[in-house]
PDB file of N, CA and C in Angstrom:
ATOM      1  N   MET A   1      71.766 -30.759  61.414  1.00  0.00           N
ATOM      2  CA  MET A   1      70.709 -31.111  62.264  1.00  0.00           C
ATOM      3  C   MET A   1      70.528 -32.657  62.392  1.00  0.00           C
ATOM      4  N   ALA A   2      70.544 -33.125  63.563  1.00  0.00           N
ATOM      5  CA  ALA A   2      70.416 -34.515  63.870  1.00  0.00           C
ATOM      6  C   ALA A   2      69.151 -35.150  63.466  1.00  0.00           C
ATOM      7  N   LYS A   3      69.301 -36.322  62.779  1.00  0.00           N
ATOM      8  CA  LYS A   3      68.128 -37.063  62.385  1.00  0.00           C
ATOM      9  C   LYS A   3      67.589 -37.901  63.506  1.00  0.00           C
ATOM     10  N   LYS A   4      66.325 -38.045  63.431  1.00  0.00           N
ATOM     11  CA  LYS A   4      65.561 -38.700  64.680  1.00  0.00           C
ATOM     12  C   LYS A   4      65.087 -40.087  64.113  1.00  0.00           C
ATOM     13  N   THR A   5      65.102 -41.077  64.991  1.00  0.00           N
ATOM     14  CA  THR A   5      64.419 -42.264  64.705  1.00  0.00           C
ATOM     15  C   THR A   5      63.172 -42.341  65.519  1.00  0.00           C
ATOM     16  N   SER A   6      62.167 -43.091  64.946  1.00  0.00           N
ATOM     17  CA  SER A   6      60.894 -43.255  65.657  1.00  0.00           C
ATOM     18  C   SER A   6      60.530 -44.706  65.648  1.00  0.00           C
ATOM     19  N   PRO A   7      60.728 -45.300  66.827  1.00  0.00           N
ATOM     20  CA  PRO A   7      60.457 -46.720  66.868  1.00  0.00           C
ATOM     21  C   PRO A   7      58.989 -47.105  66.847  1.00  0.00           C
ATOM     22  N   ILE A   8      58.697 -48.259  66.184  1.00  0.00           N
ATOM     23  CA  ILE A   8      57.448 -48.808  66.220  1.00  0.00           C
ATOM     24  C   ILE A   8      57.703 -50.237  66.499  1.00  0.00           C
ATOM     25  N   SER A   9      57.040 -50.881  67.520  1.00  0.00           N
ATOM     26  CA  SER A   9      57.316 -52.242  67.869  1.00  0.00           C
ATOM     27  C   SER A   9      55.975 -53.114  67.914  1.00  0.00           C
ATOM     28  N   ILE A  10      56.206 -54.451  67.731  1.00  0.00           N
ATOM     29  CA  ILE A  10      55.099 -55.263  67.661  1.00  0.00           C
ATOM     30  C   ILE A  10      55.595 -56.485  68.571  1.00  0.00           C
ATOM     31  N   GLU A  11      54.685 -56.897  69.566  1.00  0.00           N
ATOM     32  CA  GLU A  11      54.985 -58.085  70.378  1.00  0.00           C
ATOM     33  C   GLU A  11      53.922 -59.079  70.111  1.00  0.00           C
ATOM     34  N   VAL A  12      54.313 -60.296  69.883  1.00  0.00           N
ATOM     35  CA  VAL A  12      53.374 -61.373  69.584  1.00  0.00           C
ATOM     36  C   VAL A  12      53.595 -62.491  70.550  1.00  0.00           C
ATOM     37  N   THR A  13      52.597 -62.863  71.296  1.00  0.00           N
ATOM     38  CA  THR A  13      52.509 -64.024  72.167  1.00  0.00           C
ATOM     39  C   THR A  13      51.890 -65.149  71.429  1.00  0.00           C
ATOM     40  N   VAL A  14      52.662 -66.285  71.282  1.00  0.00           N
ATOM     41  CA  VAL A  14      52.110 -67.465  70.688  1.00  0.00           C
ATOM     42  C   VAL A  14      51.872 -68.682  71.490  1.00  0.00           C
ATOM     43  N   ASP A  15      51.044 -69.526  71.130  1.00  0.00           N
ATOM     44  CA  ASP A  15      50.897 -70.780  71.913  1.00  0.00           C
ATOM     45  C   ASP A  15      52.003 -71.812  71.553  1.00  0.00           C
ATOM     46  N   GLU A  16      51.858 -73.026  72.100  1.00  0.00           N
ATOM     47  CA  GLU A  16      52.784 -74.052  71.836  1.00  0.00           C
ATOM     48  C   GLU A  16      52.975 -74.473  70.316  1.00  0.00           C
ATOM     49  N   ASN A  17      51.890 -74.105  69.541  1.00  0.00           N
ATOM     50  CA  ASN A  17      51.996 -74.392  68.107  1.00  0.00           C
ATOM     51  C   ASN A  17      52.365 -73.112  67.280  1.00  0.00           C
ATOM     52  N   ASN A  18      52.854 -72.139  67.912  1.00  0.00           N
ATOM     53  CA  ASN A  18      53.198 -70.822  67.305  1.00  0.00           C
ATOM     54  C   ASN A  18      52.094 -70.106  66.652  1.00  0.00           C
ATOM     55  N   ILE A  19      50.863 -70.269  67.152  1.00  0.00           N
ATOM     56  CA  ILE A  19      49.674 -69.629  66.631  1.00  0.00           C
ATOM     57  C   ILE A  19      49.506 -68.409  67.622  1.00  0.00           C
ATOM     58  N   PRO A  20      49.417 -67.160  66.986  1.00  0.00           N
ATOM     59  CA  PRO A  20      49.346 -65.945  67.812  1.00  0.00           C
ATOM     60  C   PRO A  20      48.036 -65.977  68.714  1.00  0.00           C
ATOM     61  N   GLU A  21      48.355 -65.654  70.020  1.00  0.00           N
ATOM     62  CA  GLU A  21      47.225 -65.514  71.006  1.00  0.00           C
ATOM     63  C   GLU A  21      46.996 -64.079  71.397  1.00  0.00           C
ATOM     64  N   LYS A  22      48.054 -63.308  71.279  1.00  0.00           N
ATOM     65  CA  LYS A  22      48.035 -61.866  71.744  1.00  0.00           C
ATOM     66  C   LYS A  22      48.992 -61.096  70.875  1.00  0.00           C
ATOM     67  N   ILE A  23      48.487 -59.946  70.471  1.00  0.00           N
ATOM     68  CA  ILE A  23      49.325 -58.977  69.683  1.00  0.00           C
ATOM     69  C   ILE A  23      49.235 -57.654  70.404  1.00  0.00           C
ATOM     70  N   LEU A  24      50.443 -57.067  70.713  1.00  0.00           N
ATOM     71  CA  LEU A  24      50.587 -55.682  71.305  1.00  0.00           C
ATOM     72  C   LEU A  24      51.411 -54.894  70.326  1.00  0.00           C
ATOM     73  N   TRP A  25      51.123 -53.660  70.139  1.00  0.00           N
ATOM     74  CA  TRP A  25      51.853 -52.711  69.308  1.00  0.00           C
ATOM     75  C   TRP A  25      52.180 -51.469  70.070  1.00  0.00           C
ATOM     76  N   SER A  26      53.277 -50.825  69.766  1.00  0.00           N
ATOM     77  CA  SER A  26      53.676 -49.581  70.402  1.00  0.00           C
ATOM     78  C   SER A  26      54.222 -48.664  69.335  1.00  0.00           C
ATOM     79  N   ALA A  27      53.868 -47.330  69.457  1.00  0.00           N
ATOM     80  CA  ALA A  27      54.396 -46.252  68.646  1.00  0.00           C
ATOM     81  C   ALA A  27      54.494 -45.128  69.496  1.00  0.00           C
ATOM     82  N   PRO A  28      55.603 -45.001  70.307  1.00  0.00           N
ATOM     83  CA  PRO A  28      55.686 -43.938  71.341  1.00  0.00           C
ATOM     84  C   PRO A  28      55.514 -42.517  70.760  1.00  0.00           C
ATOM     85  N   ASP A  29      56.036 -42.151  69.654  1.00  0.00           N
ATOM     86  CA  ASP A  29      55.829 -40.897  69.149  1.00  0.00           C
ATOM     87  C   ASP A  29      54.337 -40.660  68.750  1.00  0.00           C
ATOM     88  N   GLY A  30      53.538 -41.653  68.610  1.00  0.00           N
ATOM     89  CA  GLY A  30      52.076 -41.520  68.331  1.00  0.00           C
ATOM     90  C   GLY A  30      51.266 -41.722  69.524  1.00  0.00           C
ATOM     91  N   GLY A  31      51.983 -41.767  70.753  1.00  0.00           N
ATOM     92  CA  GLY A  31      51.188 -41.974  71.980  1.00  0.00           C
ATOM     93  C   GLY A  31      50.602 -43.338  72.219  1.00  0.00           C
ATOM     94  N   VAL A  32      51.158 -44.449  71.484  1.00  0.00           N
ATOM     95  CA  VAL A  32      50.591 -45.751  71.501  1.00  0.00           C
ATOM     96  C   VAL A  32      51.630 -46.636  72.342  1.00  0.00           C
ATOM     97  N   ASP A  33      51.095 -47.190  73.471  1.00  0.00           N
ATOM     98  CA  ASP A  33      51.943 -47.971  74.291  1.00  0.00           C
ATOM     99  C   ASP A  33      51.376 -49.341  74.517  1.00  0.00           C
ATOM    100  N   LYS A  34      51.819 -50.442  73.970  1.00  0.00           N
ATOM    101  CA  LYS A  34      51.355 -51.714  74.104  1.00  0.00           C
ATOM    102  C   LYS A  34      49.809 -51.870  74.008  1.00  0.00           C
ATOM    103  N   GLU A  35      49.322 -51.375  72.947  1.00  0.00           N
ATOM    104  CA  GLU A  35      47.916 -51.551  72.606  1.00  0.00           C
ATOM    105  C   GLU A  35      47.591 -52.823  72.095  1.00  0.00           C
ATOM    106  N   VAL A  36      46.535 -53.537  72.496  1.00  0.00           N
ATOM    107  CA  VAL A  36      46.060 -54.769  72.118  1.00  0.00           C
ATOM    108  C   VAL A  36      45.395 -54.630  70.659  1.00  0.00           C
ATOM    109  N   THR A  37      45.736 -55.458  69.818  1.00  0.00           N
ATOM    110  CA  THR A  37      45.107 -55.733  68.498  1.00  0.00           C
ATOM    111  C   THR A  37      44.822 -57.065  68.207  1.00  0.00           C
ATOM    112  N   GLN A  38      43.874 -57.310  67.423  1.00  0.00           N
ATOM    113  CA  GLN A  38      43.588 -58.726  66.948  1.00  0.00           C
ATOM    114  C   GLN A  38      44.203 -59.218  65.613  1.00  0.00           C
ATOM    115  N   ALA A  39      44.555 -58.203  64.787  1.00  0.00           N
ATOM    116  CA  ALA A  39      45.123 -58.602  63.569  1.00  0.00           C
ATOM    117  C   ALA A  39      45.922 -57.528  63.061  1.00  0.00           C
ATOM    118  N   MET A  40      46.929 -57.880  62.123  1.00  0.00           N
ATOM    119  CA  MET A  40      47.694 -56.924  61.475  1.00  0.00           C
ATOM    120  C   MET A  40      48.260 -57.429  60.140  1.00  0.00           C
ATOM    121  N   LEU A  41      48.339 -56.498  59.119  1.00  0.00           N
ATOM    122  CA  LEU A  41      48.913 -56.781  57.924  1.00  0.00           C
ATOM    123  C   LEU A  41      50.048 -55.746  57.707  1.00  0.00           C
ATOM    124  N   LEU A  42      51.285 -56.208  57.538  1.00  0.00           N
ATOM    125  CA  LEU A  42      52.442 -55.342  57.348  1.00  0.00           C
ATOM    126  C   LEU A  42      52.994 -55.621  56.061  1.00  0.00           C
ATOM    127  N   ALA A  43      53.212 -54.638  55.316  1.00  0.00           N
ATOM    128  CA  ALA A  43      53.885 -54.767  54.062  1.00  0.00           C
ATOM    129  C   ALA A  43      55.022 -53.788  53.891  1.00  0.00           C
ATOM    130  N   LEU A  44      56.168 -54.407  53.395  1.00  0.00           N
ATOM    131  CA  LEU A  44      57.439 -53.564  53.261  1.00  0.00           C
ATOM    132  C   LEU A  44      57.906 -53.783  51.835  1.00  0.00           C
ATOM    133  N   TRP A  45      58.340 -52.686  51.162  1.00  0.00           N
ATOM    134  CA  TRP A  45      58.872 -52.871  49.787  1.00  0.00           C
ATOM    135  C   TRP A  45      60.388 -53.010  49.778  1.00  0.00           C
ATOM    136  N   ASP A  46      60.924 -54.009  49.299  1.00  0.00           N
ATOM    137  CA  ASP A  46      62.303 -54.198  49.005  1.00  0.00           C
ATOM    138  C   ASP A  46      62.632 -53.697  47.657  1.00  0.00           C
ATOM    139  N   GLY A  47      63.124 -52.490  47.644  1.00  0.00           N
ATOM    140  CA  GLY A  47      63.399 -51.914  46.245  1.00  0.00           C
ATOM    141  C   GLY A  47      64.551 -52.649  45.551  1.00  0.00           C
ATOM    142  N   LYS A  48      65.530 -53.190  46.276  1.00  0.00           N
ATOM    143  CA  LYS A  48      66.754 -53.839  45.693  1.00  0.00           C
ATOM    144  C   LYS A  48      66.208 -55.088  44.909  1.00  0.00           C
ATOM    145  N   ASN A  49      65.344 -55.843  45.467  1.00  0.00           N
ATOM    146  CA  ASN A  49      64.868 -57.046  44.910  1.00  0.00           C
ATOM    147  C   ASN A  49      63.442 -57.006  44.215  1.00  0.00           C
ATOM    148  N   GLN A  50      62.996 -55.748  44.274  1.00  0.00           N
ATOM    149  CA  GLN A  50      61.692 -55.372  43.609  1.00  0.00           C
ATOM    150  C   GLN A  50      60.613 -56.359  44.062  1.00  0.00           C
ATOM    151  N   GLU A  51      60.455 -56.498  45.419  1.00  0.00           N
ATOM    152  CA  GLU A  51      59.344 -57.453  45.871  1.00  0.00           C
ATOM    153  C   GLU A  51      58.831 -56.938  47.324  1.00  0.00           C
ATOM    154  N   THR A  52      57.602 -57.332  47.568  1.00  0.00           N
ATOM    155  CA  THR A  52      56.947 -56.979  48.766  1.00  0.00           C
ATOM    156  C   THR A  52      57.286 -58.064  49.850  1.00  0.00           C
ATOM    157  N   LEU A  53      57.599 -57.586  51.069  1.00  0.00           N
ATOM    158  CA  LEU A  53      57.886 -58.498  52.136  1.00  0.00           C
ATOM    159  C   LEU A  53      56.663 -58.367  53.096  1.00  0.00           C
ATOM    160  N   ARG A  54      56.119 -59.400  53.610  1.00  0.00           N
ATOM    161  CA  ARG A  54      54.922 -59.316  54.383  1.00  0.00           C
ATOM    162  C   ARG A  54      55.000 -60.080  55.695  1.00  0.00           C
ATOM    163  N   ILE A  55      54.153 -59.462  56.684  1.00  0.00           N
ATOM    164  CA  ILE A  55      53.797 -60.175  57.842  1.00  0.00           C
ATOM    165  C   ILE A  55      52.293 -59.942  58.068  1.00  0.00           C
ATOM    166  N   ASP A  56      51.560 -61.142  57.974  1.00  0.00           N
ATOM    167  CA  ASP A  56      50.074 -61.190  58.171  1.00  0.00           C
ATOM    168  C   ASP A  56      49.833 -61.940  59.456  1.00  0.00           C
ATOM    169  N   LEU A  57      49.343 -61.476  60.540  1.00  0.00           N
ATOM    170  CA  LEU A  57      49.026 -62.161  61.668  1.00  0.00           C
ATOM    171  C   LEU A  57      47.619 -61.811  62.270  1.00  0.00           C
ATOM    172  N   TRP A  58      47.028 -62.803  62.867  1.00  0.00           N
ATOM    173  CA  TRP A  58      45.739 -62.480  63.580  1.00  0.00           C
ATOM    174  C   TRP A  58      45.799 -63.608  64.657  1.00  0.00           C
ATOM    175  N   ILE A  59      44.987 -63.273  65.704  1.00  0.00           N
ATOM    176  CA  ILE A  59      44.938 -64.182  66.854  1.00  0.00           C
ATOM    177  C   ILE A  59      43.926 -65.167  66.499  1.00  0.00           C
ATOM    178  N   LYS A  60      44.105 -66.374  67.193  1.00  0.00           N
ATOM    179  CA  LYS A  60      43.258 -67.549  66.910  1.00  0.00           C
ATOM    180  C   LYS A  60      41.863 -67.356  67.255  1.00  0.00           C
ATOM    181  N   GLU A  61      41.554 -66.411  68.132  1.00  0.00           N
ATOM    182  CA  GLU A  61      40.176 -66.069  68.652  1.00  0.00           C
ATOM    183  C   GLU A  61      39.505 -65.008  67.791  1.00  0.00           C
ATOM    184  N   MET A  62      40.125 -64.568  66.691  1.00  0.00           N
ATOM    185  CA  MET A  62      39.485 -63.508  65.891  1.00  0.00           C
ATOM    186  C   MET A  62      38.323 -64.071  65.111  1.00  0.00           C
ATOM    187  N   PRO A  63      37.026 -63.439  65.340  1.00  0.00           N
ATOM    188  CA  PRO A  63      35.922 -63.919  64.649  1.00  0.00           C
ATOM    189  C   PRO A  63      36.065 -63.608  63.078  1.00  0.00           C
ATOM    190  N   VAL A  64      35.483 -64.670  62.273  1.00  0.00           N
ATOM    191  CA  VAL A  64      35.629 -64.483  60.812  1.00  0.00           C
ATOM    192  C   VAL A  64      34.871 -63.258  60.458  1.00  0.00           C
ATOM    193  N   ASP A  65      33.787 -62.785  61.026  1.00  0.00           N
ATOM    194  CA  ASP A  65      33.071 -61.658  60.598  1.00  0.00           C
ATOM    195  C   ASP A  65      33.974 -60.394  60.786  1.00  0.00           C
ATOM    196  N   GLN A  66      34.663 -60.334  61.916  1.00  0.00           N
ATOM    197  CA  GLN A  66      35.573 -59.249  62.125  1.00  0.00           C
ATOM    198  C   GLN A  66      36.740 -59.219  61.093  1.00  0.00           C
ATOM    199  N   MET A  67      37.131 -60.413  60.760  1.00  0.00           N
ATOM    200  CA  MET A  67      38.229 -60.537  59.816  1.00  0.00           C
ATOM    201  C   MET A  67      37.822 -59.882  58.401  1.00  0.00           C
ATOM    202  N   LYS A  68      36.451 -60.177  57.970  1.00  0.00           N
ATOM    203  CA  LYS A  68      35.938 -59.697  56.785  1.00  0.00           C
ATOM    204  C   LYS A  68      35.901 -58.144  56.855  1.00  0.00           C
ATOM    205  N   MET A  69      35.487 -57.638  57.953  1.00  0.00           N
ATOM    206  CA  MET A  69      35.426 -56.163  58.188  1.00  0.00           C
ATOM    207  C   MET A  69      36.869 -55.509  57.992  1.00  0.00           C
ATOM    208  N   PHE A  70      37.792 -56.233  58.747  1.00  0.00           N
ATOM    209  CA  PHE A  70      39.232 -55.845  58.723  1.00  0.00           C
ATOM    210  C   PHE A  70      39.685 -55.733  57.230  1.00  0.00           C
ATOM    211  N   PHE A  71      39.496 -56.774  56.449  1.00  0.00           N
ATOM    212  CA  PHE A  71      40.008 -56.772  55.096  1.00  0.00           C
ATOM    213  C   PHE A  71      39.245 -55.692  54.237  1.00  0.00           C
ATOM    214  N   HIS A  72      37.969 -55.596  54.455  1.00  0.00           N
ATOM    215  CA  HIS A  72      37.342 -54.402  53.728  1.00  0.00           C
ATOM    216  C   HIS A  72      37.804 -53.129  54.001  1.00  0.00           C
ATOM    217  N   GLN A  73      37.964 -52.811  55.282  1.00  0.00           N
ATOM    218  CA  GLN A  73      38.462 -51.497  55.634  1.00  0.00           C
ATOM    219  C   GLN A  73      39.916 -51.326  55.192  1.00  0.00           C
ATOM    220  N   THR A  74      40.793 -52.388  55.191  1.00  0.00           N
ATOM    221  CA  THR A  74      42.096 -52.331  54.775  1.00  0.00           C
ATOM    222  C   THR A  74      42.124 -52.043  53.213  1.00  0.00           C
ATOM    223  N   LEU A  75      41.274 -52.722  52.449  1.00  0.00           N
ATOM    224  CA  LEU A  75      41.259 -52.526  51.033  1.00  0.00           C
ATOM    225  C   LEU A  75      40.900 -51.079  50.740  1.00  0.00           C
ATOM    226  N   LEU A  76      39.785 -50.585  51.407  1.00  0.00           N
ATOM    227  CA  LEU A  76      39.437 -49.177  51.270  1.00  0.00           C
ATOM    228  C   LEU A  76      40.567 -48.291  51.516  1.00  0.00           C
ATOM    229  N   THR A  77      41.358 -48.452  52.558  1.00  0.00           N
ATOM    230  CA  THR A  77      42.433 -47.633  52.989  1.00  0.00           C
ATOM    231  C   THR A  77      43.558 -47.780  51.849  1.00  0.00           C
ATOM    232  N   MET A  78      43.729 -48.945  51.252  1.00  0.00           N
ATOM    233  CA  MET A  78      44.745 -49.139  50.303  1.00  0.00           C
ATOM    234  C   MET A  78      44.449 -48.258  49.015  1.00  0.00           C
ATOM    235  N   SER A  79      43.180 -48.191  48.678  1.00  0.00           N
ATOM    236  CA  SER A  79      42.831 -47.436  47.531  1.00  0.00           C
ATOM    237  C   SER A  79      42.971 -46.002  47.715  1.00  0.00           C
ATOM    238  N   ASP A  80      42.718 -45.534  48.899  1.00  0.00           N
ATOM    239  CA  ASP A  80      43.153 -44.075  49.232  1.00  0.00           C
ATOM    240  C   ASP A  80      44.595 -43.911  49.173  1.00  0.00           C
ATOM    241  N   THR A  81      45.472 -44.736  49.698  1.00  0.00           N
ATOM    242  CA  THR A  81      46.813 -44.611  49.712  1.00  0.00           C
ATOM    243  C   THR A  81      47.389 -44.719  48.375  1.00  0.00           C
ATOM    244  N   TYR A  82      46.826 -45.614  47.568  1.00  0.00           N
ATOM    245  CA  TYR A  82      47.194 -45.812  46.090  1.00  0.00           C
ATOM    246  C   TYR A  82      47.071 -44.409  45.382  1.00  0.00           C
ATOM    247  N   PHE A  83      45.888 -43.769  45.628  1.00  0.00           N
ATOM    248  CA  PHE A  83      45.601 -42.509  44.969  1.00  0.00           C
ATOM    249  C   PHE A  83      46.603 -41.459  45.447  1.00  0.00           C
ATOM    250  N   ARG A  84      46.906 -41.357  46.689  1.00  0.00           N
ATOM    251  CA  ARG A  84      47.765 -40.317  47.242  1.00  0.00           C
ATOM    252  C   ARG A  84      49.243 -40.551  46.708  1.00  0.00           C
ATOM    253  N   ALA A  85      49.670 -41.800  46.453  1.00  0.00           N
ATOM    254  CA  ALA A  85      50.929 -42.216  45.951  1.00  0.00           C
ATOM    255  C   ALA A  85      51.048 -42.020  44.464  1.00  0.00           C
ATOM    256  N   THR A  86      49.986 -42.195  43.739  1.00  0.00           N
ATOM    257  CA  THR A  86      50.147 -42.176  42.286  1.00  0.00           C
ATOM    258  C   THR A  86      49.274 -41.132  41.507  1.00  0.00           C
ATOM    259  N   GLN A  87      48.212 -40.497  42.207  1.00  0.00           N
ATOM    260  CA  GLN A  87      47.277 -39.698  41.559  1.00  0.00           C
ATOM    261  C   GLN A  87      46.578 -40.315  40.472  1.00  0.00           C
ATOM    262  N   ASP A  88      46.529 -41.631  40.434  1.00  0.00           N
ATOM    263  CA  ASP A  88      45.747 -42.436  39.400  1.00  0.00           C
ATOM    264  C   ASP A  88      44.319 -42.488  39.912  1.00  0.00           C
ATOM    265  N   GLU A  89      43.471 -41.543  39.466  1.00  0.00           N
ATOM    266  CA  GLU A  89      42.119 -41.473  40.037  1.00  0.00           C
ATOM    267  C   GLU A  89      41.298 -42.625  39.469  1.00  0.00           C
ATOM    268  N   LYS A  90      41.589 -43.015  38.216  1.00  0.00           N
ATOM    269  CA  LYS A  90      40.768 -44.028  37.464  1.00  0.00           C
ATOM    270  C   LYS A  90      41.031 -45.356  38.222  1.00  0.00           C
ATOM    271  N   MET A  91      42.142 -45.784  38.498  1.00  0.00           N
ATOM    272  CA  MET A  91      42.398 -47.050  39.078  1.00  0.00           C
ATOM    273  C   MET A  91      42.025 -47.099  40.583  1.00  0.00           C
ATOM    274  N   ALA A  92      42.150 -45.912  41.233  1.00  0.00           N
ATOM    275  CA  ALA A  92      41.704 -45.803  42.628  1.00  0.00           C
ATOM    276  C   ALA A  92      40.261 -46.033  42.696  1.00  0.00           C
ATOM    277  N   GLY A  93      39.468 -45.530  41.702  1.00  0.00           N
ATOM    278  CA  GLY A  93      38.077 -45.602  41.642  1.00  0.00           C
ATOM    279  C   GLY A  93      37.695 -47.044  41.408  1.00  0.00           C
ATOM    280  N   THR A  94      38.452 -47.692  40.487  1.00  0.00           N
ATOM    281  CA  THR A  94      38.202 -49.184  40.211  1.00  0.00           C
ATOM    282  C   THR A  94      38.337 -50.024  41.470  1.00  0.00           C
ATOM    283  N   MET A  95      39.532 -49.580  42.187  1.00  0.00           N
ATOM    284  CA  MET A  95      39.698 -50.378  43.544  1.00  0.00           C
ATOM    285  C   MET A  95      38.512 -50.119  44.444  1.00  0.00           C
ATOM    286  N   LYS A  96      37.997 -48.927  44.570  1.00  0.00           N
ATOM    287  CA  LYS A  96      36.887 -48.735  45.462  1.00  0.00           C
ATOM    288  C   LYS A  96      35.605 -49.427  44.972  1.00  0.00           C
ATOM    289  N   ASP A  97      35.437 -49.547  43.621  1.00  0.00           N
ATOM    290  CA  ASP A  97      34.384 -50.408  43.161  1.00  0.00           C
ATOM    291  C   ASP A  97      34.448 -51.835  43.543  1.00  0.00           C
ATOM    292  N   PHE A  98      35.667 -52.388  43.562  1.00  0.00           N
ATOM    293  CA  PHE A  98      35.870 -53.762  44.052  1.00  0.00           C
ATOM    294  C   PHE A  98      35.533 -53.854  45.478  1.00  0.00           C
ATOM    295  N   CYS A  99      35.939 -52.739  46.295  1.00  0.00           N
ATOM    296  CA  CYS A  99      35.634 -52.751  47.671  1.00  0.00           C
ATOM    297  C   CYS A  99      34.177 -52.793  47.908  1.00  0.00           C
ATOM    298  N   ASP A 100      33.321 -52.067  47.104  1.00  0.00           N
ATOM    299  CA  ASP A 100      31.894 -52.143  47.223  1.00  0.00           C
ATOM    300  C   ASP A 100      31.428 -53.532  46.961  1.00  0.00           C
ATOM    301  N   PHE A 101      31.944 -54.087  45.869  1.00  0.00           N
ATOM    302  CA  PHE A 101      31.547 -55.520  45.488  1.00  0.00           C
ATOM    303  C   PHE A 101      31.946 -56.449  46.652  1.00  0.00           C
ATOM    304  N   PHE A 102      33.071 -56.341  47.255  1.00  0.00           N
ATOM    305  CA  PHE A 102      33.565 -57.142  48.330  1.00  0.00           C
ATOM    306  C   PHE A 102      32.603 -57.088  49.519  1.00  0.00           C
ATOM    307  N   ALA A 103      32.233 -55.838  49.884  1.00  0.00           N
ATOM    308  CA  ALA A 103      31.326 -55.647  50.994  1.00  0.00           C
ATOM    309  C   ALA A 103      29.998 -56.269  50.652  1.00  0.00           C
ATOM    310  N   GLU A 104      29.474 -56.131  49.424  1.00  0.00           N
ATOM    311  CA  GLU A 104      28.188 -56.748  49.112  1.00  0.00           C
ATOM    312  C   GLU A 104      28.291 -58.147  49.191  1.00  0.00           C
ATOM    313  N   LYS A 105      29.283 -58.799  48.660  1.00  0.00           N
ATOM    314  CA  LYS A 105      29.377 -60.315  48.611  1.00  0.00           C
ATOM    315  C   LYS A 105      29.533 -60.841  50.063  1.00  0.00           C
ATOM    316  N   ASN A 106      30.049 -60.093  50.988  1.00  0.00           N
ATOM    317  CA  ASN A 106      30.357 -60.496  52.282  1.00  0.00           C
ATOM    318  C   ASN A 106      29.302 -59.999  53.198  1.00  0.00           C
ATOM    319  N   LYS A 107      28.268 -59.372  52.691  1.00  0.00           N
ATOM    320  CA  LYS A 107      27.125 -58.919  53.479  1.00  0.00           C
ATOM    321  C   LYS A 107      27.548 -57.935  54.533  1.00  0.00           C
ATOM    322  N   LEU A 108      28.539 -57.018  54.195  1.00  0.00           N
ATOM    323  CA  LEU A 108      28.978 -56.034  55.090  1.00  0.00           C
ATOM    324  C   LEU A 108      28.336 -54.731  55.057  1.00  0.00           C
ATOM    325  N   LYS A 109      27.474 -54.513  53.905  1.00  0.00           N
ATOM    326  CA  LYS A 109      26.807 -53.217  53.866  1.00  0.00           C
ATOM    327  C   LYS A 109      25.553 -53.270  54.630  1.00  0.00           C
ATOM    328  N   LYS A 110      25.324 -52.170  55.379  1.00  0.00           N
ATOM    329  CA  LYS A 110      24.177 -52.031  56.093  1.00  0.00           C
ATOM    330  C   LYS A 110      23.017 -51.439  55.082  1.00  0.00           C
ATOM    331  N   ASP A 111      21.825 -51.978  55.352  1.00  0.00           N
ATOM    332  CA  ASP A 111      20.698 -51.600  54.491  1.00  0.00           C
ATOM    333  C   ASP A 111      20.514 -50.088  54.714  1.00  0.00           C
ATOM    334  N   ASP A 112      20.248 -49.407  53.544  1.00  0.00           N
ATOM    335  CA  ASP A 112      19.960 -47.928  53.584  1.00  0.00           C
ATOM    336  C   ASP A 112      18.540 -47.706  53.952  1.00  0.00           C
TER     337      ASP A 112
END
């Protein structure tokens, strides 16, 4: 059976100082074609060198309040991913506790 590749692409338009002005991403198998995004965090694991490779980009017009929400939601997602990958319920819960603390300190929680 032939193996299939599934491309994912990112296009970044930068200004004269190489500051991102526009980010587009595509994932044809997921039905995404040149969708606009304001920020991205990409982490890749290099098993040979035992290190994380990263690309962290955001457009220069991204408001700080949105960046704080982006980080909060990313941290929450990471705690879920960590649990699925390790089944370490205790540490995943600790990570979620930090997410609650992060939201509180950044005033991201809505009053109940």
